[in-house]
Amino acid sequence: MTPLDEAQARIARDISPLAPIEVPLSEARGLVLAQDVTSSEAIPPFANTAMDGFAVRAADTAGASSSNPVTVPVVATVAAGAVAPRALEAGEAMRIMTGAPIPDGADAVIMVELTEAVDDNVKLLAEVEVGNHIRPAGDDLDAGTVIFGPGEVLSPAHLGVCASVGYETVLVHARPRVGVFSTGDELMVGPAPLGPGQIRDSNRPSIVALVEEAGCVAVNLGLLRDDEAEIEAALRSAVGPDATNPVDALITSGGVSMGDFDFVKRVLSRLGDMNWMQVAIKPAKPLAFGMLMGTPIFGLPGNPVSSMVSFELFARPSLLTMMGRSSTSRPVAFALADEPMRRPADGKTHFARVIASPEPDGTWRIRSAGGQGSHQLTAMARANALAVLPDGTGVDAGGRVQIMLLDQ
């Protein structure tokens, strides 16, 4: 059997980020920058008020209080997007709205709650200091500042910053298009009654959703029957020079183990440069990986839980690498087992489906999500973590276990 870390390293050698492309900001969330983002101007570009209130000279508020107000004339109103008609003189005030430029001559803003308007005058009910509620020019960014660099994952806030300094497009690593298909004559879709020996195809919906959750574009390539010509035609339509629906990576489920009817294995052995591995893990022991006409392809096992666990351990990190991500693993933590977690010693690392709950002090606690068979998908649906059980007999209640968090 192939050790888990060796299988992961073997795959990682052939995976690299996709070439950068330029995209509008509206399409860039979650993508990885491939350029510097530089501010060409100060942000904010001018001193402005952080509050609705009155622009004043701080010296004119000396001694002001609710019991001893200072009354000054209001000589203008400055709205956001406008400028004062003239400079503010000593002993005057200008009404000013949040975001509006500070008038020349003013050095403070007193918020409206600390004033009382009387005809064309305003009573100042508090003393304020120079700079009160004023956001200076360049308070956020100076002109010429390199704000973000290559490798930064673009969040909504990143996109807002890019827009604030005038970017309409950014250079990013492309979002991979990932083709997903399942294989097997025993599979069917839809609500019709199952025929003898049939099961419904659950792998493709699960893997498509996992691909999309990872931030990629999932291309649902459908269900293929156990027919070599049909499988080859489907592969060629997705990769290679004659592809009609090209993708950047392929994921199959089923047909990669040691059986006589594993037609996917036969086709890939002819067309691709493949690694056929029996990885020392449970579930998800059989795994295929290789390059098919220059495109990475992951052959996942057919059992539903095995397929999902295999995706988490092998396909997801690779897809994130293709997106330019530097961090490609699910978060890990250590947890205390609320119940015994037994397993046989068999030379494999076991990944148990568990429900992980954080305590107020930050300690994680875990319990089984249900049946641990590779066909028991309901427990996988309940689980929010995988407990990593090294080779041995498992852990006792209260034992310390490493977990991989699936919902973070």
Protein backbone atom coordinates (compact mmCIF):
# COMPACT_ATOMS: atom_id res chain seq x y z
CA MET A 1 0.00 0.00 0.00
CA THR A 2 1.06 3.59 -0.65
CA PRO A 3 1.44 5.77 2.47
CA LEU A 4 -0.94 8.74 2.54
CA ASP A 5 1.75 11.42 2.53
CA GLU A 6 3.53 9.71 -0.37
CA ALA A 7 0.31 9.61 -2.43
CA GLN A 8 -0.32 13.29 -1.73
CA ALA A 9 3.26 14.22 -2.65
CA ARG A 10 3.04 12.21 -5.87
CA ILE A 11 -0.03 14.21 -6.91
CA ALA A 12 1.40 17.57 -5.80
CA ARG A 13 4.38 17.18 -8.15
CA ASP A 14 2.11 17.48 -11.19
CA ILE A 15 -0.17 20.28 -9.98
CA SER A 16 0.57 23.98 -10.49
CA PRO A 17 -1.46 27.22 -10.53
CA LEU A 18 -3.40 28.03 -13.66
CA ALA A 19 -2.18 30.90 -15.82
CA PRO A 20 -3.34 34.35 -14.63
CA ILE A 21 -6.26 36.03 -16.36
CA GLU A 22 -7.78 39.49 -16.06
CA VAL A 23 -11.31 39.55 -14.64
CA PRO A 24 -13.74 42.26 -13.54
CA LEU A 25 -13.94 42.89 -9.81
CA SER A 26 -17.47 41.48 -9.87
CA GLU A 27 -16.04 38.05 -10.77
CA ALA A 28 -12.94 38.08 -8.56
CA ARG A 29 -14.25 37.12 -5.10
CA GLY A 30 -12.35 34.12 -3.75
CA LEU A 31 -9.71 34.23 -6.48
CA VAL A 32 -5.99 34.70 -5.88
CA LEU A 33 -4.17 37.83 -7.00
CA ALA A 34 -1.34 37.50 -9.49
CA GLN A 35 -0.29 41.18 -9.37
CA ASP A 36 0.42 44.07 -7.04
CA VAL A 37 -2.50 46.37 -6.29
CA THR A 38 -1.14 49.89 -5.77
CA SER A 39 -2.91 53.04 -4.66
CA SER A 40 -2.43 55.80 -7.21
CA GLU A 41 -3.93 58.37 -4.85
CA ALA A 42 -4.41 59.03 -1.17
CA ILE A 43 -7.44 57.42 0.49
CA PRO A 44 -9.38 59.41 1.48
CA PRO A 45 -8.23 61.95 -1.13
CA PHE A 46 -9.21 64.93 1.07
CA ALA A 47 -9.84 65.63 4.74
CA ASN A 48 -13.50 64.92 5.50
CA THR A 49 -15.87 64.64 8.38
CA ALA A 50 -16.71 61.36 10.09
CA MET A 51 -19.95 62.78 11.51
CA ASP A 52 -22.92 64.95 10.66
CA GLY A 53 -22.43 68.20 12.56
CA PHE A 54 -20.80 71.60 12.26
CA ALA A 55 -17.33 72.50 11.03
CA VAL A 56 -15.76 74.96 13.43
CA ARG A 57 -12.50 76.31 14.74
CA ALA A 58 -11.72 74.40 17.95
CA ALA A 59 -10.67 77.63 19.65
CA ASP A 60 -14.22 78.96 19.23
CA THR A 61 -15.58 76.12 21.41
CA ALA A 62 -13.40 76.94 24.42
CA GLY A 63 -15.45 76.68 27.60
CA ALA A 64 -18.63 75.60 25.81
CA SER A 65 -21.03 73.33 27.70
CA SER A 66 -24.73 72.63 27.92
CA SER A 67 -24.99 75.16 30.72
CA ASN A 68 -22.69 77.64 29.03
CA PRO A 69 -23.26 77.34 25.26
CA VAL A 70 -21.28 79.27 22.69
CA THR A 71 -23.48 80.71 19.93
CA VAL A 72 -22.05 81.29 16.43
CA PRO A 73 -23.64 82.02 13.06
CA VAL A 74 -24.09 79.22 10.49
CA VAL A 75 -22.71 80.66 7.23
CA ALA A 76 -23.04 77.66 4.86
CA THR A 77 -23.98 74.01 4.46
CA VAL A 78 -21.53 71.48 2.99
CA ALA A 79 -23.04 68.23 1.69
CA ALA A 80 -21.14 65.06 0.74
CA GLY A 81 -19.85 65.53 -2.79
CA ALA A 82 -19.82 69.34 -2.49
CA VAL A 83 -17.26 71.88 -1.29
CA ALA A 84 -17.63 74.90 0.97
CA PRO A 85 -18.32 78.16 -0.88
CA ARG A 86 -15.54 79.92 1.03
CA ALA A 87 -13.14 79.51 3.92
CA LEU A 88 -14.48 79.42 7.46
CA GLU A 89 -13.65 82.50 9.49
CA ALA A 90 -13.16 82.76 13.24
CA GLY A 91 -16.44 82.82 15.16
CA GLU A 92 -18.40 80.98 12.43
CA ALA A 93 -19.75 77.48 11.79
CA MET A 94 -20.76 75.52 8.69
CA ARG A 95 -23.28 72.69 8.76
CA ILE A 96 -21.50 69.61 7.34
CA MET A 97 -22.63 66.12 6.37
CA THR A 98 -20.70 62.86 6.83
CA GLY A 99 -18.04 62.44 4.15
CA ALA A 100 -18.06 66.09 3.06
CA PRO A 101 -14.70 67.91 2.66
CA ILE A 102 -13.56 69.98 5.62
CA PRO A 103 -13.75 73.68 4.72
CA ASP A 104 -10.55 75.69 4.66
CA GLY A 105 -10.14 77.41 8.00
CA ALA A 106 -11.96 74.71 9.99
CA ASP A 107 -9.97 72.39 12.24
CA ALA A 108 -12.67 70.42 14.06
CA VAL A 109 -16.20 69.05 13.73
CA ILE A 110 -18.71 69.07 16.57
CA MET A 111 -21.36 66.41 16.09
CA VAL A 112 -24.93 67.55 15.72
CA GLU A 113 -25.98 65.88 18.98
CA LEU A 114 -23.82 68.41 20.87
CA THR A 115 -25.44 71.43 19.23
CA GLU A 116 -28.74 73.26 19.17
CA ALA A 117 -29.86 75.17 16.08
CA VAL A 118 -31.50 78.56 16.65
CA ASP A 119 -32.60 80.35 13.45
CA ASP A 120 -29.38 81.04 11.48
CA ASN A 121 -27.17 80.35 14.46
CA VAL A 122 -26.02 77.24 16.32
CA LYS A 123 -25.39 76.81 20.00
CA LEU A 124 -22.26 74.73 20.68
CA LEU A 125 -22.83 72.68 23.82
CA ALA A 126 -19.35 71.15 24.25
CA GLU A 127 -15.70 72.00 23.85
CA VAL A 128 -13.86 70.03 21.15
CA GLU A 129 -10.20 69.58 20.29
CA VAL A 130 -8.38 70.24 17.03
CA GLY A 131 -8.97 67.30 14.66
CA ASN A 132 -12.19 66.18 16.35
CA HIS A 133 -14.16 63.87 13.97
CA ILE A 134 -11.90 64.79 11.02
CA ARG A 135 -10.53 62.02 8.81
CA PRO A 136 -7.27 63.37 7.31
CA ALA A 137 -6.34 62.89 3.66
CA GLY A 138 -4.43 59.61 3.34
CA ASP A 139 -5.78 58.37 6.68
CA ASP A 140 -6.29 54.91 5.12
CA LEU A 141 -3.70 54.85 2.31
CA ASP A 142 -0.96 57.10 1.00
CA ALA A 143 -0.49 57.48 -2.75
CA GLY A 144 1.93 54.84 -4.09
CA THR A 145 1.21 52.29 -1.36
CA VAL A 146 1.33 48.65 -2.47
CA ILE A 147 -1.86 47.45 -0.84
CA PHE A 148 -2.03 43.79 -1.84
CA GLY A 149 0.38 41.46 -3.61
CA PRO A 150 0.39 38.16 -5.48
CA GLY A 151 -1.06 35.30 -3.45
CA GLU A 152 -3.70 37.39 -1.68
CA VAL A 153 -7.14 35.73 -1.65
CA LEU A 154 -9.69 38.36 -2.62
CA SER A 155 -12.48 38.80 -0.07
CA PRO A 156 -15.38 41.26 -0.42
CA ALA A 157 -13.35 43.80 1.59
CA HIS A 158 -10.36 43.36 -0.74
CA LEU A 159 -12.60 44.08 -3.71
CA GLY A 160 -13.92 47.21 -2.02
CA VAL A 161 -10.37 48.46 -1.49
CA CYS A 162 -9.49 47.73 -5.13
CA ALA A 163 -12.53 49.70 -6.26
CA SER A 164 -11.66 52.57 -3.92
CA VAL A 165 -8.30 53.07 -5.66
CA GLY A 166 -9.74 52.88 -9.17
CA TYR A 167 -9.33 49.24 -10.20
CA GLU A 168 -12.09 47.83 -12.40
CA THR A 169 -10.25 44.58 -13.22
CA VAL A 170 -7.55 42.52 -11.53
CA LEU A 171 -5.09 39.86 -12.67
CA VAL A 172 -5.86 36.60 -10.87
CA HIS A 173 -5.28 32.89 -11.21
CA ALA A 174 -8.17 31.43 -13.15
CA ARG A 175 -10.99 29.57 -11.44
CA PRO A 176 -10.58 25.94 -12.64
CA ARG A 177 -13.33 24.31 -14.66
CA VAL A 178 -13.61 20.81 -13.22
CA GLY A 179 -15.41 18.08 -15.10
CA VAL A 180 -17.22 15.49 -12.97
CA PHE A 181 -18.73 12.25 -14.15
CA SER A 182 -19.70 8.95 -12.60
CA THR A 183 -19.60 5.54 -14.22
CA GLY A 184 -21.35 2.22 -13.89
CA ASP A 185 -24.24 0.26 -15.38
CA GLU A 186 -25.63 -0.17 -11.87
CA LEU A 187 -26.29 3.55 -11.49
CA MET A 188 -29.47 5.41 -12.24
CA VAL A 189 -30.81 8.90 -11.62
CA GLY A 190 -34.25 10.21 -10.81
CA PRO A 191 -37.17 8.97 -8.73
CA ALA A 192 -38.14 5.93 -10.81
CA PRO A 193 -38.18 2.59 -8.95
CA LEU A 194 -34.83 0.83 -8.87
CA GLY A 195 -34.40 -2.21 -11.04
CA PRO A 196 -32.64 -5.40 -9.92
CA GLY A 197 -29.07 -4.62 -8.83
CA GLN A 198 -29.44 -0.86 -9.34
CA ILE A 199 -28.51 2.02 -7.04
CA ARG A 200 -29.00 5.74 -7.45
CA ASP A 201 -26.04 7.92 -8.38
CA SER A 202 -25.18 9.93 -5.26
CA ASN A 203 -21.51 10.52 -6.00
CA ARG A 204 -21.89 13.02 -8.80
CA PRO A 205 -24.16 15.44 -6.87
CA SER A 206 -21.83 15.24 -3.87
CA ILE A 207 -18.63 15.79 -5.86
CA VAL A 208 -20.13 18.57 -7.97
CA ALA A 209 -21.11 20.35 -4.76
CA LEU A 210 -17.65 19.82 -3.23
CA VAL A 211 -16.02 21.24 -6.36
CA GLU A 212 -18.22 24.33 -6.17
CA GLU A 213 -17.62 24.67 -2.42
CA ALA A 214 -13.89 24.76 -3.16
CA GLY A 215 -14.46 27.79 -5.40
CA CYS A 216 -14.16 26.05 -8.76
CA VAL A 217 -16.58 25.80 -11.66
CA ALA A 218 -18.14 22.32 -11.72
CA VAL A 219 -18.99 20.89 -15.12
CA ASN A 220 -21.44 18.03 -14.73
CA LEU A 221 -20.47 15.53 -17.43
CA GLY A 222 -23.20 13.07 -16.55
CA LEU A 223 -23.36 9.34 -16.08
CA LEU A 224 -21.34 6.99 -18.28
CA ARG A 225 -22.15 3.35 -18.81
CA ASP A 226 -19.59 0.57 -18.64
CA ASP A 227 -18.61 0.93 -22.26
CA GLU A 228 -15.01 1.69 -23.26
CA ALA A 229 -15.96 3.59 -26.42
CA GLU A 230 -18.45 5.77 -24.53
CA ILE A 231 -15.96 6.50 -21.77
CA GLU A 232 -13.19 7.38 -24.23
CA ALA A 233 -15.46 9.67 -26.21
CA ALA A 234 -16.51 11.47 -23.01
CA LEU A 235 -12.91 11.94 -21.94
CA ARG A 236 -11.88 13.28 -25.34
CA SER A 237 -14.77 15.73 -25.35
CA ALA A 238 -13.40 17.24 -22.11
CA VAL A 239 -9.63 17.26 -22.65
CA GLY A 240 -7.17 17.30 -25.50
CA PRO A 241 -7.01 19.11 -28.83
CA ASP A 242 -10.48 18.04 -29.96
CA ALA A 243 -12.30 18.86 -26.72
CA THR A 244 -15.75 20.35 -27.28
CA ASN A 245 -16.34 21.15 -23.59
CA PRO A 246 -12.81 21.68 -22.25
CA VAL A 247 -12.01 21.52 -18.56
CA ASP A 248 -8.91 22.16 -16.46
CA ALA A 249 -9.26 19.00 -14.35
CA LEU A 250 -11.34 15.83 -14.38
CA ILE A 251 -12.84 13.82 -11.55
CA THR A 252 -14.41 10.41 -12.01
CA SER A 253 -15.99 8.15 -9.43
CA GLY A 254 -16.05 4.40 -9.73
CA GLY A 255 -14.23 2.00 -11.98
CA VAL A 256 -10.69 2.43 -10.60
CA SER A 257 -10.27 -0.61 -8.35
CA MET A 258 -9.09 -4.12 -9.25
CA GLY A 259 -12.28 -5.55 -10.74
CA ASP A 260 -12.62 -7.12 -14.19
CA PHE A 261 -15.31 -4.58 -15.12
CA ASP A 262 -13.40 -1.42 -14.24
CA PHE A 263 -13.67 0.09 -17.71
CA VAL A 264 -12.46 3.53 -16.66
CA LYS A 265 -9.16 1.97 -15.64
CA ARG A 266 -8.77 0.31 -19.02
CA VAL A 267 -9.39 3.54 -20.94
CA LEU A 268 -7.18 5.70 -18.75
CA SER A 269 -4.37 3.15 -18.92
CA ARG A 270 -4.41 3.54 -22.71
CA LEU A 271 -4.83 7.30 -22.92
CA GLY A 272 -3.13 8.75 -19.85
CA ASP A 273 0.02 8.68 -17.76
CA MET A 274 -1.58 7.19 -14.67
CA ASN A 275 -0.71 6.21 -11.12
CA TRP A 276 -2.88 3.40 -9.76
CA MET A 277 -2.58 3.43 -6.01
CA GLN A 278 -3.87 1.49 -3.06
CA VAL A 279 -3.46 4.16 -0.38
CA ALA A 280 -3.02 3.08 3.24
CA ILE A 281 -6.25 4.76 4.41
CA LYS A 282 -9.80 3.74 5.22
CA PRO A 283 -12.13 4.60 3.61
CA ALA A 284 -10.91 5.54 0.09
CA LYS A 285 -8.12 3.00 -0.42
CA PRO A 286 -8.21 2.81 -4.27
CA LEU A 287 -7.11 5.99 -6.04
CA ALA A 288 -6.13 6.87 -9.56
CA PHE A 289 -4.26 10.01 -10.51
CA GLY A 290 -2.50 11.04 -13.65
CA MET A 291 -2.25 13.39 -16.58
CA LEU A 292 -4.65 12.89 -19.46
CA MET A 293 -3.52 14.85 -22.49
CA GLY A 294 -2.00 17.45 -20.18
CA THR A 295 -4.98 17.63 -17.83
CA PRO A 296 -4.93 16.25 -14.27
CA ILE A 297 -7.49 13.53 -13.64
CA PHE A 298 -8.57 12.07 -10.31
CA GLY A 299 -10.17 8.64 -10.28
CA LEU A 300 -12.04 8.37 -7.01
CA PRO A 301 -13.50 5.15 -5.59
CA GLY A 302 -17.17 4.37 -6.15
CA ASN A 303 -18.42 3.95 -2.59
CA PRO A 304 -20.06 7.26 -1.64
CA VAL A 305 -18.15 7.99 1.57
CA SER A 306 -14.89 6.82 0.02
CA SER A 307 -15.45 9.17 -2.89
CA MET A 308 -16.00 12.19 -0.63
CA VAL A 309 -13.09 11.41 1.71
CA SER A 310 -10.83 10.85 -1.28
CA PHE A 311 -11.87 14.23 -2.68
CA GLU A 312 -10.98 15.92 0.61
CA LEU A 313 -7.56 14.30 0.86
CA PHE A 314 -6.43 14.47 -2.77
CA ALA A 315 -8.60 16.45 -5.18
CA ARG A 316 -9.51 19.49 -3.09
CA PRO A 317 -5.90 20.43 -2.18
CA SER A 318 -4.93 20.08 -5.84
CA LEU A 319 -7.78 22.28 -7.06
CA LEU A 320 -6.86 24.96 -4.52
CA THR A 321 -3.26 24.80 -5.73
CA MET A 322 -4.50 25.31 -9.30
CA MET A 323 -6.30 28.44 -8.03
CA GLY A 324 -3.01 29.76 -6.63
CA ARG A 325 -3.87 29.17 -2.98
CA SER A 326 -0.92 28.74 -0.62
CA SER A 327 -3.08 27.11 2.06
CA THR A 328 -4.80 24.05 0.62
CA SER A 329 -5.71 21.90 3.64
CA ARG A 330 -8.82 21.91 5.77
CA PRO A 331 -8.21 23.32 9.27
CA VAL A 332 -7.04 20.74 11.80
CA ALA A 333 -7.41 20.69 15.57
CA PHE A 334 -7.18 18.29 18.46
CA ALA A 335 -10.31 17.05 20.19
CA LEU A 336 -11.31 14.90 23.14
CA ALA A 337 -13.36 11.80 22.34
CA ASP A 338 -16.66 11.63 24.23
CA GLU A 339 -16.84 7.89 23.55
CA PRO A 340 -14.41 5.10 22.66
CA MET A 341 -13.37 5.14 19.00
CA ARG A 342 -12.24 1.63 18.17
CA ARG A 343 -10.62 0.34 15.00
CA PRO A 344 -8.59 -2.75 14.04
CA ALA A 345 -4.85 -2.58 13.45
CA ASP A 346 -4.55 -3.00 9.66
CA GLY A 347 -1.67 -0.82 8.52
CA LYS A 348 -3.97 2.05 7.52
CA THR A 349 -4.93 5.46 8.83
CA HIS A 350 -8.68 5.56 9.46
CA PHE A 351 -10.81 8.66 8.93
CA ALA A 352 -13.88 8.40 11.15
CA ARG A 353 -16.91 10.58 10.47
CA VAL A 354 -17.60 12.57 13.63
CA ILE A 355 -19.59 15.47 15.00
CA ALA A 356 -17.23 18.04 16.53
CA SER A 357 -18.44 20.60 19.07
CA PRO A 358 -16.35 23.43 20.55
CA GLU A 359 -16.43 24.09 24.29
CA PRO A 360 -16.43 27.67 25.66
CA ASP A 361 -12.71 27.32 26.48
CA GLY A 362 -11.95 26.38 22.86
CA THR A 363 -11.59 22.64 23.47
CA TRP A 364 -13.18 20.47 20.78
CA ARG A 365 -15.15 17.36 21.69
CA ILE A 366 -16.19 14.67 19.23
CA ARG A 367 -18.65 11.83 18.95
CA SER A 368 -19.44 9.42 16.14
CA ALA A 369 -21.74 10.68 13.39
CA GLY A 370 -23.13 7.18 12.88
CA GLY A 371 -22.28 4.12 10.80
CA GLN A 372 -18.70 4.10 9.57
CA GLY A 373 -19.10 1.89 6.49
CA SER A 374 -17.90 3.38 3.20
CA HIS A 375 -21.45 3.06 1.86
CA GLN A 376 -23.14 4.82 4.80
CA LEU A 377 -23.54 8.32 3.40
CA THR A 378 -25.99 9.51 6.05
CA ALA A 379 -23.26 9.62 8.70
CA MET A 380 -21.10 11.64 6.30
CA ALA A 381 -23.95 14.11 5.95
CA ARG A 382 -24.19 14.47 9.74
CA ALA A 383 -20.43 14.82 10.20
CA ASN A 384 -18.63 18.16 10.32
CA ALA A 385 -15.20 16.64 10.84
CA LEU A 386 -13.05 13.61 10.17
CA ALA A 387 -11.21 12.08 13.12
CA VAL A 388 -7.75 10.87 12.15
CA LEU A 389 -7.10 7.50 13.80
CA PRO A 390 -3.54 6.21 13.24
CA ASP A 391 -2.90 2.50 12.85
CA GLY A 392 -3.66 0.71 16.09
CA THR A 393 -6.73 -0.06 18.15
CA GLY A 394 -8.19 3.47 18.37
CA VAL A 395 -8.70 5.67 21.43
CA ASP A 396 -10.55 5.42 24.72
CA ALA A 397 -13.23 7.86 25.87
CA GLY A 398 -11.42 11.05 26.87
CA GLY A 399 -8.57 10.30 24.48
CA ARG A 400 -6.99 13.05 22.36
CA VAL A 401 -7.65 12.84 18.62
CA GLN A 402 -6.63 14.98 15.66
CA ILE A 403 -9.60 16.14 13.56
CA MET A 404 -10.00 17.68 10.14
CA LEU A 405 -12.78 20.28 10.17
CA LEU A 406 -14.99 20.00 7.11
CA ASP A 407 -17.14 23.10 7.58
CA GLN A 408 -14.37 25.70 7.88
